[in-house]
């Protein structure tokens, strides 16, 4: 059985892919770095798009992930 320390390390090493709807640039960042942020700026050349990571201020990052999973699962997009 996995040790909780191993699980924390896996969460810290997880990468999140944010694809910019304006320029199509694939922004990747560690989940741990995004967790406390409410916005993330696209790093595409000349792009000034801002990702809203916490549009429901007060909702936790984990809760947003659960909501995303639930949405994908209900649409049949799970793998």
N, C-alpha and C. Protein backbone atom coordinates (compact mmCIF):
# COMPACT_ATOMS: atom_id res chain seq x y z
N UNK A 1 0.84 -1.18 0.00
CA UNK A 1 0.00 0.00 0.00
C UNK A 1 0.88 1.23 0.00
N UNK A 2 0.50 2.25 -0.75
CA UNK A 2 1.31 3.46 -0.89
C UNK A 2 1.35 4.26 0.41
N UNK A 3 2.48 4.74 0.70
CA UNK A 3 2.71 5.60 1.86
C UNK A 3 2.18 7.00 1.53
N UNK A 4 1.64 7.73 2.51
CA UNK A 4 1.09 9.06 2.24
C UNK A 4 2.17 10.02 1.74
N UNK A 5 3.42 9.80 2.14
CA UNK A 5 4.52 10.61 1.66
C UNK A 5 4.70 10.41 0.15
N UNK A 6 4.55 9.16 -0.33
CA UNK A 6 4.64 8.87 -1.76
C UNK A 6 3.52 9.58 -2.53
N UNK A 7 2.33 9.60 -1.96
CA UNK A 7 1.20 10.26 -2.60
C UNK A 7 1.46 11.76 -2.70
N UNK A 8 1.97 12.36 -1.62
CA UNK A 8 2.29 13.80 -1.65
C UNK A 8 3.34 14.10 -2.70
N UNK A 9 4.33 13.24 -2.84
CA UNK A 9 5.37 13.45 -3.83
C UNK A 9 4.78 13.34 -5.24
N UNK A 10 3.87 12.42 -5.44
CA UNK A 10 3.23 12.27 -6.75
C UNK A 10 2.41 13.51 -7.09
N UNK A 11 1.69 14.06 -6.10
CA UNK A 11 0.91 15.27 -6.33
C UNK A 11 1.82 16.44 -6.65
N UNK A 12 2.94 16.55 -5.96
CA UNK A 12 3.88 17.65 -6.20
C UNK A 12 4.51 17.54 -7.58
N UNK A 13 4.69 16.32 -8.07
CA UNK A 13 5.33 16.11 -9.37
C UNK A 13 4.33 16.15 -10.53
N UNK A 14 3.03 16.18 -10.24
CA UNK A 14 2.01 16.19 -11.30
C UNK A 14 2.11 17.46 -12.12
N UNK A 15 1.97 17.33 -13.44
CA UNK A 15 2.02 18.48 -14.34
C UNK A 15 0.61 18.73 -14.87
N UNK A 16 0.27 20.00 -14.96
CA UNK A 16 -1.03 20.42 -15.48
C UNK A 16 -0.79 21.05 -16.86
N UNK A 17 -1.59 20.68 -17.84
CA UNK A 17 -1.49 21.23 -19.18
C UNK A 17 -2.64 22.21 -19.40
N UNK A 18 -2.29 23.46 -19.68
CA UNK A 18 -3.27 24.49 -19.98
C UNK A 18 -3.06 24.91 -21.43
N UNK A 19 -4.05 24.64 -22.29
CA UNK A 19 -3.95 25.02 -23.70
C UNK A 19 -4.67 26.34 -23.89
N UNK A 20 -3.93 27.32 -24.38
CA UNK A 20 -4.46 28.67 -24.55
C UNK A 20 -5.50 28.70 -25.67
N UNK A 21 -6.70 29.21 -25.39
CA UNK A 21 -7.73 29.28 -26.42
C UNK A 21 -7.46 30.37 -27.46
N UNK A 22 -6.56 31.30 -27.16
CA UNK A 22 -6.26 32.38 -28.10
C UNK A 22 -5.14 32.03 -29.07
N UNK A 23 -4.02 31.51 -28.55
CA UNK A 23 -2.86 31.26 -29.42
C UNK A 23 -2.56 29.77 -29.60
N UNK A 24 -3.20 28.90 -28.81
CA UNK A 24 -2.99 27.47 -28.93
C UNK A 24 -1.74 26.95 -28.24
N UNK A 25 -1.00 27.83 -27.55
CA UNK A 25 0.22 27.42 -26.87
C UNK A 25 -0.11 26.46 -25.73
N UNK A 26 0.70 25.41 -25.59
CA UNK A 26 0.52 24.43 -24.51
C UNK A 26 1.39 24.84 -23.34
N UNK A 27 0.75 25.36 -22.30
CA UNK A 27 1.43 25.78 -21.08
C UNK A 27 1.40 24.62 -20.10
N UNK A 28 2.55 24.23 -19.58
CA UNK A 28 2.58 23.18 -18.56
C UNK A 28 3.21 23.75 -17.30
N UNK A 29 2.66 23.33 -16.19
CA UNK A 29 3.15 23.82 -14.91
C UNK A 29 2.89 22.74 -13.87
N UNK A 30 3.73 22.70 -12.84
CA UNK A 30 3.52 21.76 -11.75
C UNK A 30 2.26 22.14 -10.98
N UNK A 31 1.46 21.15 -10.63
CA UNK A 31 0.22 21.38 -9.89
C UNK A 31 0.47 22.14 -8.60
N UNK A 32 1.56 21.82 -7.94
CA UNK A 32 1.89 22.47 -6.68
C UNK A 32 2.07 23.98 -6.87
N UNK A 33 2.64 24.40 -8.02
CA UNK A 33 2.85 25.81 -8.29
C UNK A 33 1.54 26.53 -8.60
N UNK A 34 0.58 25.83 -9.18
CA UNK A 34 -0.70 26.44 -9.54
C UNK A 34 -1.68 26.46 -8.38
N UNK A 35 -1.46 25.61 -7.41
CA UNK A 35 -2.44 25.42 -6.35
C UNK A 35 -2.84 26.70 -5.63
N UNK A 36 -1.93 27.57 -5.31
CA UNK A 36 -2.25 28.78 -4.56
C UNK A 36 -2.58 29.98 -5.42
N UNK A 37 -2.55 29.84 -6.74
CA UNK A 37 -2.75 30.97 -7.63
C UNK A 37 -4.20 31.07 -8.08
N UNK A 38 -4.63 32.30 -8.37
CA UNK A 38 -5.96 32.49 -8.91
C UNK A 38 -5.90 32.75 -10.41
N UNK A 39 -4.71 33.11 -10.93
CA UNK A 39 -4.54 33.35 -12.36
C UNK A 39 -3.21 32.78 -12.83
N UNK A 40 -3.15 32.51 -14.14
CA UNK A 40 -1.92 32.04 -14.78
C UNK A 40 -1.86 32.71 -16.14
N UNK A 41 -0.71 33.31 -16.45
CA UNK A 41 -0.54 34.02 -17.71
C UNK A 41 0.05 33.09 -18.77
N UNK A 42 -0.54 33.11 -19.98
CA UNK A 42 -0.05 32.30 -21.08
C UNK A 42 1.37 32.74 -21.42
N UNK A 43 2.24 31.76 -21.69
CA UNK A 43 3.63 32.06 -22.01
C UNK A 43 3.90 32.01 -23.51
N UNK A 44 2.85 31.98 -24.32
CA UNK A 44 3.01 31.98 -25.78
C UNK A 44 3.56 33.32 -26.25
N UNK A 45 4.30 33.32 -27.36
CA UNK A 45 4.89 34.54 -27.91
C UNK A 45 3.83 35.58 -28.23
N UNK A 46 3.93 36.72 -27.58
CA UNK A 46 3.02 37.82 -27.84
C UNK A 46 1.60 37.64 -27.33
N UNK A 47 1.34 36.58 -26.62
CA UNK A 47 -0.01 36.32 -26.12
C UNK A 47 -0.17 36.93 -24.73
N UNK A 48 -1.33 37.51 -24.48
CA UNK A 48 -1.58 38.10 -23.17
C UNK A 48 -2.81 37.48 -22.50
N UNK A 49 -3.13 36.25 -22.88
CA UNK A 49 -4.28 35.56 -22.29
C UNK A 49 -4.00 35.22 -20.83
N UNK A 50 -5.02 35.36 -20.00
CA UNK A 50 -4.91 35.04 -18.57
C UNK A 50 -5.91 33.93 -18.25
N UNK A 51 -5.40 32.81 -17.74
CA UNK A 51 -6.26 31.71 -17.29
C UNK A 51 -6.79 32.05 -15.91
N UNK A 52 -8.09 31.94 -15.72
CA UNK A 52 -8.71 32.11 -14.41
C UNK A 52 -8.73 30.75 -13.74
N UNK A 53 -7.88 30.54 -12.77
CA UNK A 53 -7.79 29.24 -12.11
C UNK A 53 -8.80 29.10 -10.98
N UNK A 54 -9.26 30.21 -10.46
CA UNK A 54 -10.19 30.15 -9.34
C UNK A 54 -11.34 31.13 -9.56
N UNK A 55 -12.21 30.86 -10.54
CA UNK A 55 -13.31 31.78 -10.81
C UNK A 55 -14.36 31.79 -9.69
N UNK A 56 -14.38 30.76 -8.86
CA UNK A 56 -15.35 30.65 -7.76
C UNK A 56 -14.68 30.91 -6.42
N UNK A 57 -13.91 31.92 -6.32
CA UNK A 57 -13.13 32.22 -5.10
C UNK A 57 -13.74 31.54 -3.88
N UNK A 58 -12.91 30.83 -3.17
CA UNK A 58 -13.37 30.09 -2.01
C UNK A 58 -13.47 28.60 -2.27
N UNK A 59 -13.56 28.21 -3.54
CA UNK A 59 -13.58 26.81 -3.90
C UNK A 59 -12.14 26.32 -3.97
N UNK A 60 -11.83 25.21 -3.36
CA UNK A 60 -10.46 24.71 -3.32
C UNK A 60 -10.04 24.14 -4.67
N UNK A 61 -8.74 24.10 -4.90
CA UNK A 61 -8.18 23.54 -6.12
C UNK A 61 -8.61 22.08 -6.26
N UNK A 62 -8.59 21.35 -5.17
CA UNK A 62 -9.01 19.94 -5.20
C UNK A 62 -10.48 19.81 -5.59
N UNK A 63 -11.31 20.71 -5.10
CA UNK A 63 -12.74 20.68 -5.44
C UNK A 63 -12.94 20.96 -6.93
N UNK A 64 -12.18 21.89 -7.49
CA UNK A 64 -12.27 22.18 -8.92
C UNK A 64 -11.86 20.95 -9.74
N UNK A 65 -10.82 20.24 -9.29
CA UNK A 65 -10.39 19.02 -9.98
C UNK A 65 -11.48 17.95 -9.92
N UNK A 66 -12.11 17.80 -8.75
CA UNK A 66 -13.20 16.82 -8.61
C UNK A 66 -14.36 17.18 -9.53
N UNK A 67 -14.66 18.47 -9.63
CA UNK A 67 -15.74 18.92 -10.51
C UNK A 67 -15.40 18.61 -11.97
N UNK A 68 -14.17 18.86 -12.38
CA UNK A 68 -13.74 18.56 -13.74
C UNK A 68 -13.87 17.06 -14.02
N UNK A 69 -13.39 16.23 -13.10
CA UNK A 69 -13.48 14.78 -13.27
C UNK A 69 -14.93 14.33 -13.38
N UNK A 70 -15.78 14.88 -12.53
CA UNK A 70 -17.19 14.52 -12.55
C UNK A 70 -17.83 14.91 -13.88
N UNK A 71 -17.44 16.06 -14.43
CA UNK A 71 -17.96 16.50 -15.72
C UNK A 71 -17.52 15.56 -16.83
N UNK A 72 -16.22 15.22 -16.84
CA UNK A 72 -15.70 14.31 -17.85
C UNK A 72 -16.34 12.93 -17.74
N UNK A 73 -16.51 12.45 -16.51
CA UNK A 73 -17.10 11.13 -16.29
C UNK A 73 -18.54 11.10 -16.78
N UNK A 74 -19.28 12.17 -16.51
CA UNK A 74 -20.71 12.18 -16.89
C UNK A 74 -20.90 12.29 -18.39
N UNK A 75 -19.91 12.83 -19.10
CA UNK A 75 -20.02 12.94 -20.56
C UNK A 75 -19.46 11.73 -21.28
N UNK A 76 -18.91 10.78 -20.53
CA UNK A 76 -18.37 9.56 -21.13
C UNK A 76 -16.97 9.72 -21.69
N UNK A 77 -16.26 10.77 -21.25
CA UNK A 77 -14.91 11.02 -21.77
C UNK A 77 -13.81 10.39 -20.92
N UNK A 78 -14.18 9.54 -19.99
CA UNK A 78 -13.16 8.91 -19.15
C UNK A 78 -12.51 7.75 -19.91
N UNK A 79 -11.26 7.45 -19.49
CA UNK A 79 -10.58 6.44 -20.26
C UNK A 79 -10.31 5.20 -19.54
